[in-house]
Amino acid sequence: MNLLALRVNEDNFNKEVLEAEVPVLVEFYSDSCVPCKQMSPILGDLEEEYEDKLKIVKINVNFDLQLAEAHMVMGSPTFLFFKNGEEKNRLRGITKKPELIEIINSIL
């Protein structure tokens, strides 16, 4: 069962990311971004594997440019890892699942 990552925007970013009770992986993406589409199944897998321990959300840079700029996101996909409201790590571009898992495990 592939869950669909929650879309987050400026209105609910604080609640869904900064105030989350579990670490959050935020993907800044664009609908026209091919690498973003390639990352979708990997994020779906991670969502299943870390169901109660990690939250995965997506932010569309085309609609939420202010959020992207506020977090100095320069390209898609960019992955930010938050824990207790703080950015703990970031990756940019196509990323292999083991790299994501390594960072996730380091912040859990």
PDB file of N, CA and C in Angstrom:
ATOM      1  N   MET A   1       0.844  -1.192   0.000  1.00  0.00           N
ATOM      2  CA  MET A   1       0.000   0.000   0.000  1.00  0.00           C
ATOM      3  C   MET A   1       0.876   1.238   0.000  1.00  0.00           C
ATOM      4  N   ASN A   2       0.845   1.987  -1.062  1.00  0.00           N
ATOM      5  CA  ASN A   2       1.641   3.206  -1.121  1.00  0.00           C
ATOM      6  C   ASN A   2       0.838   4.393  -0.606  1.00  0.00           C
ATOM      7  N   LEU A   3       1.330   4.995   0.446  1.00  0.00           N
ATOM      8  CA  LEU A   3       0.670   6.167   1.000  1.00  0.00           C
ATOM      9  C   LEU A   3       1.097   7.370   0.179  1.00  0.00           C
ATOM     10  N   LEU A   4       0.318   8.403   0.224  1.00  0.00           N
ATOM     11  CA  LEU A   4       0.678   9.602  -0.509  1.00  0.00           C
ATOM     12  C   LEU A   4       1.159  10.647   0.479  1.00  0.00           C
ATOM     13  N   ALA A   5       2.365  11.119   0.279  1.00  0.00           N
ATOM     14  CA  ALA A   5       2.935  12.113   1.187  1.00  0.00           C
ATOM     15  C   ALA A   5       2.020  13.332   1.257  1.00  0.00           C
ATOM     16  N   LEU A   6       1.911  13.868   2.434  1.00  0.00           N
ATOM     17  CA  LEU A   6       1.077  15.034   2.679  1.00  0.00           C
ATOM     18  C   LEU A   6       1.663  16.262   1.990  1.00  0.00           C
ATOM     19  N   ARG A   7       0.824  17.012   1.287  1.00  0.00           N
ATOM     20  CA  ARG A   7       1.271  18.286   0.708  1.00  0.00           C
ATOM     21  C   ARG A   7       1.204  19.343   1.792  1.00  0.00           C
ATOM     22  N   VAL A   8       2.284  20.028   1.961  1.00  0.00           N
ATOM     23  CA  VAL A   8       2.360  21.071   2.977  1.00  0.00           C
ATOM     24  C   VAL A   8       2.571  22.402   2.276  1.00  0.00           C
ATOM     25  N   ASN A   9       1.995  23.469   2.846  1.00  0.00           N
ATOM     26  CA  ASN A   9       2.216  24.803   2.298  1.00  0.00           C
ATOM     27  C   ASN A   9       2.492  25.764   3.449  1.00  0.00           C
ATOM     28  N   GLU A  10       2.559  27.024   3.121  1.00  0.00           N
ATOM     29  CA  GLU A  10       2.894  28.026   4.133  1.00  0.00           C
ATOM     30  C   GLU A  10       1.910  28.016   5.304  1.00  0.00           C
ATOM     31  N   ASP A  11       0.640  27.731   5.004  1.00  0.00           N
ATOM     32  CA  ASP A  11      -0.387  27.768   6.047  1.00  0.00           C
ATOM     33  C   ASP A  11      -0.199  26.690   7.113  1.00  0.00           C
ATOM     34  N   ASN A  12       0.264  25.491   6.707  1.00  0.00           N
ATOM     35  CA  ASN A  12       0.361  24.414   7.691  1.00  0.00           C
ATOM     36  C   ASN A  12       1.784  23.915   7.939  1.00  0.00           C
ATOM     37  N   PHE A  13       2.784  24.621   7.399  1.00  0.00           N
ATOM     38  CA  PHE A  13       4.177  24.188   7.560  1.00  0.00           C
ATOM     39  C   PHE A  13       4.577  24.078   9.033  1.00  0.00           C
ATOM     40  N   ASN A  14       4.286  25.107   9.820  1.00  0.00           N
ATOM     41  CA  ASN A  14       4.675  25.070  11.234  1.00  0.00           C
ATOM     42  C   ASN A  14       4.052  23.875  11.947  1.00  0.00           C
ATOM     43  N   LYS A  15       2.758  23.696  11.743  1.00  0.00           N
ATOM     44  CA  LYS A  15       2.049  22.606  12.425  1.00  0.00           C
ATOM     45  C   LYS A  15       2.561  21.241  11.964  1.00  0.00           C
ATOM     46  N   GLU A  16       2.676  21.039  10.654  1.00  0.00           N
ATOM     47  CA  GLU A  16       3.003  19.720  10.116  1.00  0.00           C
ATOM     48  C   GLU A  16       4.489  19.374  10.193  1.00  0.00           C
ATOM     49  N   VAL A  17       5.359  20.385  10.176  1.00  0.00           N
ATOM     50  CA  VAL A  17       6.804  20.115  10.142  1.00  0.00           C
ATOM     51  C   VAL A  17       7.469  20.520  11.455  1.00  0.00           C
ATOM     52  N   LEU A  18       7.384  21.792  11.795  1.00  0.00           N
ATOM     53  CA  LEU A  18       8.123  22.289  12.955  1.00  0.00           C
ATOM     54  C   LEU A  18       7.573  21.772  14.283  1.00  0.00           C
ATOM     55  N   GLU A  19       6.259  21.542  14.342  1.00  0.00           N
ATOM     56  CA  GLU A  19       5.656  21.083  15.593  1.00  0.00           C
ATOM     57  C   GLU A  19       5.374  19.581  15.602  1.00  0.00           C
ATOM     58  N   ALA A  20       5.859  18.867  14.591  1.00  0.00           N
ATOM     59  CA  ALA A  20       5.597  17.419  14.502  1.00  0.00           C
ATOM     60  C   ALA A  20       6.248  16.690  15.667  1.00  0.00           C
ATOM     61  N   GLU A  21       5.593  15.627  16.098  1.00  0.00           N
ATOM     62  CA  GLU A  21       6.102  14.849  17.227  1.00  0.00           C
ATOM     63  C   GLU A  21       7.160  13.841  16.803  1.00  0.00           C
ATOM     64  N   VAL A  22       7.292  13.614  15.516  1.00  0.00           N
ATOM     65  CA  VAL A  22       8.311  12.698  14.990  1.00  0.00           C
ATOM     66  C   VAL A  22       9.166  13.484  13.995  1.00  0.00           C
ATOM     67  N   PRO A  23      10.359  12.982  13.669  1.00  0.00           N
ATOM     68  CA  PRO A  23      11.160  13.649  12.639  1.00  0.00           C
ATOM     69  C   PRO A  23      10.386  13.727  11.319  1.00  0.00           C
ATOM     70  N   VAL A  24      10.707  14.742  10.523  1.00  0.00           N
ATOM     71  CA  VAL A  24       9.991  14.968   9.265  1.00  0.00           C
ATOM     72  C   VAL A  24      10.984  15.075   8.112  1.00  0.00           C
ATOM     73  N   LEU A  25      10.706  14.359   7.045  1.00  0.00           N
ATOM     74  CA  LEU A  25      11.459  14.480   5.799  1.00  0.00           C
ATOM     75  C   LEU A  25      10.598  15.320   4.869  1.00  0.00           C
ATOM     76  N   VAL A  26      11.130  16.471   4.468  1.00  0.00           N
ATOM     77  CA  VAL A  26      10.396  17.384   3.592  1.00  0.00           C
ATOM     78  C   VAL A  26      11.025  17.333   2.204  1.00  0.00           C
ATOM     79  N   GLU A  27      10.213  17.041   1.202  1.00  0.00           N
ATOM     80  CA  GLU A  27      10.703  17.093  -0.174  1.00  0.00           C
ATOM     81  C   GLU A  27      10.166  18.363  -0.828  1.00  0.00           C
ATOM     82  N   PHE A  28      11.083  19.211  -1.271  1.00  0.00           N
ATOM     83  CA  PHE A  28      10.708  20.358  -2.103  1.00  0.00           C
ATOM     84  C   PHE A  28      10.774  19.851  -3.539  1.00  0.00           C
ATOM     85  N   TYR A  29       9.648  19.921  -4.242  1.00  0.00           N
ATOM     86  CA  TYR A  29       9.562  19.338  -5.579  1.00  0.00           C
ATOM     87  C   TYR A  29       8.813  20.265  -6.524  1.00  0.00           C
ATOM     88  N   SER A  30       8.830  19.879  -7.789  1.00  0.00           N
ATOM     89  CA  SER A  30       8.054  20.587  -8.809  1.00  0.00           C
ATOM     90  C   SER A  30       7.387  19.524  -9.678  1.00  0.00           C
ATOM     91  N   ASP A  31       6.193  19.805 -10.151  1.00  0.00           N
ATOM     92  CA  ASP A  31       5.465  18.832 -10.974  1.00  0.00           C
ATOM     93  C   ASP A  31       6.191  18.501 -12.271  1.00  0.00           C
ATOM     94  N   SER A  32       6.977  19.436 -12.781  1.00  0.00           N
ATOM     95  CA  SER A  32       7.659  19.214 -14.061  1.00  0.00           C
ATOM     96  C   SER A  32       9.049  18.597 -13.878  1.00  0.00           C
ATOM     97  N   CYS A  33       9.415  18.279 -12.649  1.00  0.00           N
ATOM     98  CA  CYS A  33      10.760  17.784 -12.335  1.00  0.00           C
ATOM     99  C   CYS A  33      10.811  16.260 -12.455  1.00  0.00           C
ATOM    100  N   VAL A  34      11.557  15.779 -13.465  1.00  0.00           N
ATOM    101  CA  VAL A  34      11.665  14.336 -13.696  1.00  0.00           C
ATOM    102  C   VAL A  34      12.335  13.620 -12.517  1.00  0.00           C
ATOM    103  N   PRO A  35      13.463  14.143 -11.986  1.00  0.00           N
ATOM    104  CA  PRO A  35      14.065  13.479 -10.815  1.00  0.00           C
ATOM    105  C   PRO A  35      13.097  13.384  -9.628  1.00  0.00           C
ATOM    106  N   CYS A  36      12.232  14.380  -9.469  1.00  0.00           N
ATOM    107  CA  CYS A  36      11.240  14.343  -8.381  1.00  0.00           C
ATOM    108  C   CYS A  36      10.305  13.148  -8.567  1.00  0.00           C
ATOM    109  N   LYS A  37       9.868  12.948  -9.807  1.00  0.00           N
ATOM    110  CA  LYS A  37       8.974  11.822 -10.093  1.00  0.00           C
ATOM    111  C   LYS A  37       9.690  10.499  -9.823  1.00  0.00           C
ATOM    112  N   GLN A  38      10.999  10.452 -10.121  1.00  0.00           N
ATOM    113  CA  GLN A  38      11.765   9.229  -9.896  1.00  0.00           C
ATOM    114  C   GLN A  38      11.924   8.943  -8.401  1.00  0.00           C
ATOM    115  N   MET A  39      11.864   9.974  -7.581  1.00  0.00           N
ATOM    116  CA  MET A  39      12.027   9.800  -6.133  1.00  0.00           C
ATOM    117  C   MET A  39      10.729   9.336  -5.469  1.00  0.00           C
ATOM    118  N   SER A  40       9.589   9.534  -6.126  1.00  0.00           N
ATOM    119  CA  SER A  40       8.293   9.208  -5.518  1.00  0.00           C
ATOM    120  C   SER A  40       8.176   7.779  -4.971  1.00  0.00           C
ATOM    121  N   PRO A  41       8.548   6.756  -5.759  1.00  0.00           N
ATOM    122  CA  PRO A  41       8.415   5.394  -5.213  1.00  0.00           C
ATOM    123  C   PRO A  41       9.321   5.155  -4.002  1.00  0.00           C
ATOM    124  N   ILE A  42      10.498   5.763  -4.000  1.00  0.00           N
ATOM    125  CA  ILE A  42      11.422   5.607  -2.870  1.00  0.00           C
ATOM    126  C   ILE A  42      10.814   6.226  -1.617  1.00  0.00           C
ATOM    127  N   LEU A  43      10.250   7.425  -1.770  1.00  0.00           N
ATOM    128  CA  LEU A  43       9.612   8.081  -0.628  1.00  0.00           C
ATOM    129  C   LEU A  43       8.405   7.273  -0.156  1.00  0.00           C
ATOM    130  N   GLY A  44       7.675   6.686  -1.095  1.00  0.00           N
ATOM    131  CA  GLY A  44       6.543   5.828  -0.735  1.00  0.00           C
ATOM    132  C   GLY A  44       6.987   4.643   0.097  1.00  0.00           C
ATOM    133  N   ASP A  45       8.093   4.017  -0.311  1.00  0.00           N
ATOM    134  CA  ASP A  45       8.653   2.888   0.454  1.00  0.00           C
ATOM    135  C   ASP A  45       9.044   3.328   1.858  1.00  0.00           C
ATOM    136  N   LEU A  46       9.733   4.463   1.936  1.00  0.00           N
ATOM    137  CA  LEU A  46      10.190   4.954   3.239  1.00  0.00           C
ATOM    138  C   LEU A  46       9.003   5.260   4.144  1.00  0.00           C
ATOM    139  N   GLU A  47       7.942   5.777   3.546  1.00  0.00           N
ATOM    140  CA  GLU A  47       6.750   6.104   4.316  1.00  0.00           C
ATOM    141  C   GLU A  47       6.163   4.847   4.954  1.00  0.00           C
ATOM    142  N   GLU A  48       6.180   3.749   4.204  1.00  0.00           N
ATOM    143  CA  GLU A  48       5.685   2.478   4.740  1.00  0.00           C
ATOM    144  C   GLU A  48       6.626   1.933   5.805  1.00  0.00           C
ATOM    145  N   GLU A  49       7.930   1.967   5.516  1.00  0.00           N
ATOM    146  CA  GLU A  49       8.912   1.367   6.420  1.00  0.00           C
ATOM    147  C   GLU A  49       9.032   2.113   7.746  1.00  0.00           C
ATOM    148  N   TYR A  50       8.835   3.420   7.709  1.00  0.00           N
ATOM    149  CA  TYR A  50       9.004   4.224   8.921  1.00  0.00           C
ATOM    150  C   TYR A  50       7.671   4.801   9.392  1.00  0.00           C
ATOM    151  N   GLU A  51       6.599   4.070   9.118  1.00  0.00           N
ATOM    152  CA  GLU A  51       5.240   4.554   9.293  1.00  0.00           C
ATOM    153  C   GLU A  51       4.989   5.442  10.524  1.00  0.00           C
ATOM    154  N   ASP A  52       5.316   4.961  11.713  1.00  0.00           N
ATOM    155  CA  ASP A  52       5.006   5.735  12.928  1.00  0.00           C
ATOM    156  C   ASP A  52       6.194   6.531  13.454  1.00  0.00           C
ATOM    157  N   LYS A  53       7.353   6.369  12.818  1.00  0.00           N
ATOM    158  CA  LYS A  53       8.572   6.996  13.343  1.00  0.00           C
ATOM    159  C   LYS A  53       8.995   8.229  12.564  1.00  0.00           C
ATOM    160  N   LEU A  54       8.462   8.373  11.344  1.00  0.00           N
ATOM    161  CA  LEU A  54       8.893   9.454  10.460  1.00  0.00           C
ATOM    162  C   LEU A  54       7.697   9.937   9.653  1.00  0.00           C
ATOM    163  N   LYS A  55       7.636  11.236   9.470  1.00  0.00           N
ATOM    164  CA  LYS A  55       6.579  11.823   8.648  1.00  0.00           C
ATOM    165  C   LYS A  55       7.246  12.332   7.369  1.00  0.00           C
ATOM    166  N   ILE A  56       6.615  12.089   6.229  1.00  0.00           N
ATOM    167  CA  ILE A  56       7.142  12.579   4.958  1.00  0.00           C
ATOM    168  C   ILE A  56       6.124  13.536   4.359  1.00  0.00           C
ATOM    169  N   VAL A  57       6.581  14.730   4.035  1.00  0.00           N
ATOM    170  CA  VAL A  57       5.696  15.725   3.433  1.00  0.00           C
ATOM    171  C   VAL A  57       6.358  16.294   2.187  1.00  0.00           C
ATOM    172  N   LYS A  58       5.527  16.872   1.314  1.00  0.00           N
ATOM    173  CA  LYS A  58       6.024  17.450   0.064  1.00  0.00           C
ATOM    174  C   LYS A  58       5.608  18.911  -0.013  1.00  0.00           C
ATOM    175  N   ILE A  59       6.496  19.727  -0.546  1.00  0.00           N
ATOM    176  CA  ILE A  59       6.202  21.139  -0.761  1.00  0.00           C
ATOM    177  C   ILE A  59       6.478  21.442  -2.229  1.00  0.00           C
ATOM    178  N   ASN A  60       5.470  21.934  -2.921  1.00  0.00           N
ATOM    179  CA  ASN A  60       5.610  22.251  -4.340  1.00  0.00           C
ATOM    180  C   ASN A  60       6.218  23.654  -4.465  1.00  0.00           C
ATOM    181  N   VAL A  61       7.429  23.725  -5.003  1.00  0.00           N
ATOM    182  CA  VAL A  61       8.135  25.012  -5.089  1.00  0.00           C
ATOM    183  C   VAL A  61       7.419  26.004  -6.000  1.00  0.00           C
ATOM    184  N   ASN A  62       6.612  25.508  -6.936  1.00  0.00           N
ATOM    185  CA  ASN A  62       5.887  26.419  -7.829  1.00  0.00           C
ATOM    186  C   ASN A  62       4.796  27.186  -7.089  1.00  0.00           C
ATOM    187  N   PHE A  63       4.204  26.553  -6.083  1.00  0.00           N
ATOM    188  CA  PHE A  63       3.108  27.186  -5.345  1.00  0.00           C
ATOM    189  C   PHE A  63       3.587  27.818  -4.041  1.00  0.00           C
ATOM    190  N   ASP A  64       4.682  27.323  -3.498  1.00  0.00           N
ATOM    191  CA  ASP A  64       5.160  27.800  -2.203  1.00  0.00           C
ATOM    192  C   ASP A  64       6.606  28.279  -2.283  1.00  0.00           C
ATOM    193  N   LEU A  65       6.808  29.210  -3.194  1.00  0.00           N
ATOM    194  CA  LEU A  65       8.146  29.750  -3.422  1.00  0.00           C
ATOM    195  C   LEU A  65       8.717  30.406  -2.165  1.00  0.00           C
ATOM    196  N   GLN A  66       7.844  31.059  -1.374  1.00  0.00           N
ATOM    197  CA  GLN A  66       8.326  31.720  -0.158  1.00  0.00           C
ATOM    198  C   GLN A  66       8.947  30.707   0.801  1.00  0.00           C
ATOM    199  N   LEU A  67       8.322  29.535   0.929  1.00  0.00           N
ATOM    200  CA  LEU A  67       8.883  28.494   1.809  1.00  0.00           C
ATOM    201  C   LEU A  67      10.216  28.012   1.263  1.00  0.00           C
ATOM    202  N   ALA A  68      10.289  27.799  -0.039  1.00  0.00           N
ATOM    203  CA  ALA A  68      11.536  27.347  -0.653  1.00  0.00           C
ATOM    204  C   ALA A  68      12.636  28.380  -0.412  1.00  0.00           C
ATOM    205  N   GLU A  69      12.312  29.650  -0.625  1.00  0.00           N
ATOM    206  CA  GLU A  69      13.309  30.708  -0.414  1.00  0.00           C
ATOM    207  C   GLU A  69      13.707  30.813   1.048  1.00  0.00           C
ATOM    208  N   ALA A  70      12.735  30.701   1.945  1.00  0.00           N
ATOM    209  CA  ALA A  70      13.020  30.804   3.379  1.00  0.00           C
ATOM    210  C   ALA A  70      13.976  29.701   3.835  1.00  0.00           C
ATOM    211  N   HIS A  71      13.929  28.552   3.153  1.00  0.00           N
ATOM    212  CA  HIS A  71      14.805  27.431   3.523  1.00  0.00           C
ATOM    213  C   HIS A  71      15.967  27.277   2.551  1.00  0.00           C
ATOM    214  N   MET A  72      16.211  28.314   1.767  1.00  0.00           N
ATOM    215  CA  MET A  72      17.332  28.361   0.831  1.00  0.00           C
ATOM    216  C   MET A  72      17.396  27.128  -0.073  1.00  0.00           C
ATOM    217  N   VAL A  73      16.231  26.739  -0.584  1.00  0.00           N
ATOM    218  CA  VAL A  73      16.150  25.618  -1.516  1.00  0.00           C
ATOM    219  C   VAL A  73      16.371  26.181  -2.908  1.00  0.00           C
ATOM    220  N   MET A  74      17.407  25.686  -3.579  1.00  0.00           N
ATOM    221  CA  MET A  74      17.792  26.235  -4.884  1.00  0.00           C
ATOM    222  C   MET A  74      17.393  25.348  -6.056  1.00  0.00           C
ATOM    223  N   GLY A  75      16.982  24.121  -5.787  1.00  0.00           N
ATOM    224  CA  GLY A  75      16.610  23.227  -6.887  1.00  0.00           C
ATOM    225  C   GLY A  75      15.739  22.100  -6.386  1.00  0.00           C
ATOM    226  N   SER A  76      15.106  21.395  -7.326  1.00  0.00           N
ATOM    227  CA  SER A  76      14.262  20.264  -6.957  1.00  0.00           C
ATOM    228  C   SER A  76      14.866  18.993  -7.549  1.00  0.00           C
ATOM    229  N   PRO A  77      14.745  17.884  -6.862  1.00  0.00           N
ATOM    230  CA  PRO A  77      14.220  17.798  -5.508  1.00  0.00           C
ATOM    231  C   PRO A  77      15.285  18.180  -4.471  1.00  0.00           C
ATOM    232  N   THR A  78      14.838  18.769  -3.397  1.00  0.00           N
ATOM    233  CA  THR A  78      15.695  19.014  -2.236  1.00  0.00           C
ATOM    234  C   THR A  78      14.982  18.403  -1.042  1.00  0.00           C
ATOM    235  N   PHE A  79      15.733  17.662  -0.245  1.00  0.00           N
ATOM    236  CA  PHE A  79      15.174  16.977   0.916  1.00  0.00           C
ATOM    237  C   PHE A  79      15.733  17.610   2.183  1.00  0.00           C
ATOM    238  N   LEU A  80      14.836  18.071   3.045  1.00  0.00           N
ATOM    239  CA  LEU A  80      15.257  18.611   4.334  1.00  0.00           C
ATOM    240  C   LEU A  80      14.758  17.671   5.413  1.00  0.00           C
ATOM    241  N   PHE A  81      15.607  17.449   6.386  1.00  0.00           N
ATOM    242  CA  PHE A  81      15.273  16.557   7.493  1.00  0.00           C
ATOM    243  C   PHE A  81      15.129  17.398   8.748  1.00  0.00           C
ATOM    244  N   PHE A  82      13.943  17.380   9.357  1.00  0.00           N
ATOM    245  CA  PHE A  82      13.676  18.169  10.560  1.00  0.00           C
ATOM    246  C   PHE A  82      13.445  17.259  11.755  1.00  0.00           C
ATOM    247  N   LYS A  83      13.924  17.704  12.899  1.00  0.00           N
ATOM    248  CA  LYS A  83      13.610  17.029  14.155  1.00  0.00           C
ATOM    249  C   LYS A  83      13.448  18.113  15.203  1.00  0.00           C
ATOM    250  N   ASN A  84      12.363  18.035  15.965  1.00  0.00           N
ATOM    251  CA  ASN A  84      12.068  19.040  16.996  1.00  0.00           C
ATOM    252  C   ASN A  84      12.124  20.457  16.438  1.00  0.00           C
ATOM    253  N   GLY A  85      11.611  20.636  15.228  1.00  0.00           N
ATOM    254  CA  GLY A  85      11.528  21.963  14.642  1.00  0.00           C
ATOM    255  C   GLY A  85      12.825  22.509  14.069  1.00  0.00           C
ATOM    256  N   GLU A  86      13.882  21.699  14.078  1.00  0.00           N
ATOM    257  CA  GLU A  86      15.175  22.161  13.556  1.00  0.00           C
ATOM    258  C   GLU A  86      15.589  21.347  12.348  1.00  0.00           C
ATOM    259  N   GLU A  87      16.179  22.019  11.373  1.00  0.00           N
ATOM    260  CA  GLU A  87      16.724  21.289  10.228  1.00  0.00           C
ATOM    261  C   GLU A  87      17.984  20.580  10.687  1.00  0.00           C
ATOM    262  N   LYS A  88      18.033  19.274  10.461  1.00  0.00           N
ATOM    263  CA  LYS A  88      19.178  18.464  10.888  1.00  0.00           C
ATOM    264  C   LYS A  88      20.097  18.090   9.731  1.00  0.00           C
ATOM    265  N   ASN A  89      19.543  18.077   8.521  1.00  0.00           N
ATOM    266  CA  ASN A  89      20.340  17.650   7.374  1.00  0.00           C
ATOM    267  C   ASN A  89      19.590  18.020   6.105  1.00  0.00           C
ATOM    268  N   ARG A  90      20.297  17.975   4.977  1.00  0.00           N
ATOM    269  CA  ARG A  90      19.631  18.196   3.684  1.00  0.00           C
ATOM    270  C   ARG A  90      20.393  17.479   2.590  1.00  0.00           C
ATOM    271  N   LEU A  91      19.655  17.072   1.569  1.00  0.00           N
ATOM    272  CA  LEU A  91      20.222  16.441   0.382  1.00  0.00           C
ATOM    273  C   LEU A  91      19.567  17.100  -0.820  1.00  0.00           C
ATOM    274  N   ARG A  92      20.290  17.107  -1.927  1.00  0.00           N
ATOM    275  CA  ARG A  92      19.727  17.713  -3.127  1.00  0.00           C
ATOM    276  C   ARG A  92      19.888  16.773  -4.305  1.00  0.00           C
ATOM    277  N   GLY A  93      18.861  16.713  -5.133  1.00  0.00           N
ATOM    278  CA  GLY A  93      18.931  15.902  -6.347  1.00  0.00           C
ATOM    279  C   GLY A  93      18.515  14.460  -6.091  1.00  0.00           C
ATOM    280  N   ILE A  94      18.657  13.645  -7.136  1.00  0.00           N
ATOM    281  CA  ILE A  94      18.308  12.226  -7.044  1.00  0.00           C
ATOM    282  C   ILE A  94      19.170  11.618  -5.942  1.00  0.00           C
ATOM    283  N   THR A  95      18.528  10.918  -5.052  1.00  0.00           N
ATOM    284  CA  THR A  95      19.236  10.350  -3.906  1.00  0.00           C
ATOM    285  C   THR A  95      18.878   8.880  -3.789  1.00  0.00           C
ATOM    286  N   LYS A  96      19.867   8.064  -3.541  1.00  0.00           N
ATOM    287  CA  LYS A  96      19.613   6.637  -3.392  1.00  0.00           C
ATOM    288  C   LYS A  96      18.968   6.369  -2.028  1.00  0.00           C
ATOM    289  N   LYS A  97      18.128   5.365  -1.997  1.00  0.00           N
ATOM    290  CA  LYS A  97      17.403   5.022  -0.775  1.00  0.00           C
ATOM    291  C   LYS A  97      18.338   4.812   0.428  1.00  0.00           C
ATOM    292  N   PRO A  98      19.471   4.083   0.262  1.00  0.00           N
ATOM    293  CA  PRO A  98      20.356   3.890   1.426  1.00  0.00           C
ATOM    294  C   PRO A  98      20.866   5.210   2.024  1.00  0.00           C
ATOM    295  N   GLU A  99      21.095   6.214   1.176  1.00  0.00           N
ATOM    296  CA  GLU A  99      21.533   7.522   1.685  1.00  0.00           C
ATOM    297  C   GLU A  99      20.450   8.150   2.548  1.00  0.00           C
ATOM    298  N   LEU A 100      19.208   8.074   2.068  1.00  0.00           N
ATOM    299  CA  LEU A 100      18.087   8.622   2.829  1.00  0.00           C
ATOM    300  C   LEU A 100      17.939   7.880   4.151  1.00  0.00           C
ATOM    301  N   ILE A 101      18.035   6.553   4.106  1.00  0.00           N
ATOM    302  CA  ILE A 101      17.878   5.727   5.310  1.00  0.00           C
ATOM    303  C   ILE A 101      18.958   6.065   6.331  1.00  0.00           C
ATOM    304  N   GLU A 102      20.177   6.276   5.852  1.00  0.00           N
ATOM    305  CA  GLU A 102      21.280   6.614   6.761  1.00  0.00           C
ATOM    306  C   GLU A 102      20.981   7.900   7.538  1.00  0.00           C
ATOM    307  N   ILE A 103      20.505   8.906   6.845  1.00  0.00           N
ATOM    308  CA  ILE A 103      20.180  10.173   7.516  1.00  0.00           C
ATOM    309  C   ILE A 103      18.973  10.013   8.429  1.00  0.00           C
ATOM    310  N   ILE A 104      17.947   9.318   7.946  1.00  0.00           N
ATOM    311  CA  ILE A 104      16.753   9.089   8.773  1.00  0.00           C
ATOM    312  C   ILE A 104      17.152   8.404  10.080  1.00  0.00           C
ATOM    313  N   ASN A 105      17.941   7.332   9.966  1.00  0.00           N
ATOM    314  CA  ASN A 105      18.338   6.599  11.174  1.00  0.00           C
ATOM    315  C   ASN A 105      19.187   7.450  12.102  1.00  0.00           C
ATOM    316  N   SER A 106      19.949   8.390  11.536  1.00  0.00           N
ATOM    317  CA  SER A 106      20.802   9.239  12.382  1.00  0.00           C
ATOM    318  C   SER A 106      19.988  10.250  13.183  1.00  0.00           C
ATOM    319  N   ILE A 107      18.776  10.576  12.726  1.00  0.00           N
ATOM    320  CA  ILE A 107      17.981  11.561  13.471  1.00  0.00           C
ATOM    321  C   ILE A 107      16.838  10.938  14.278  1.00  0.00           C
ATOM    322  N   LEU A 108      16.589   9.648  14.088  1.00  0.00           N
ATOM    323  CA  LEU A 108      15.481   9.020  14.832  1.00  0.00           C
ATOM    324  C   LEU A 108      15.809   8.906  16.312  1.00  0.00           C
TER     325      LEU A 108
END
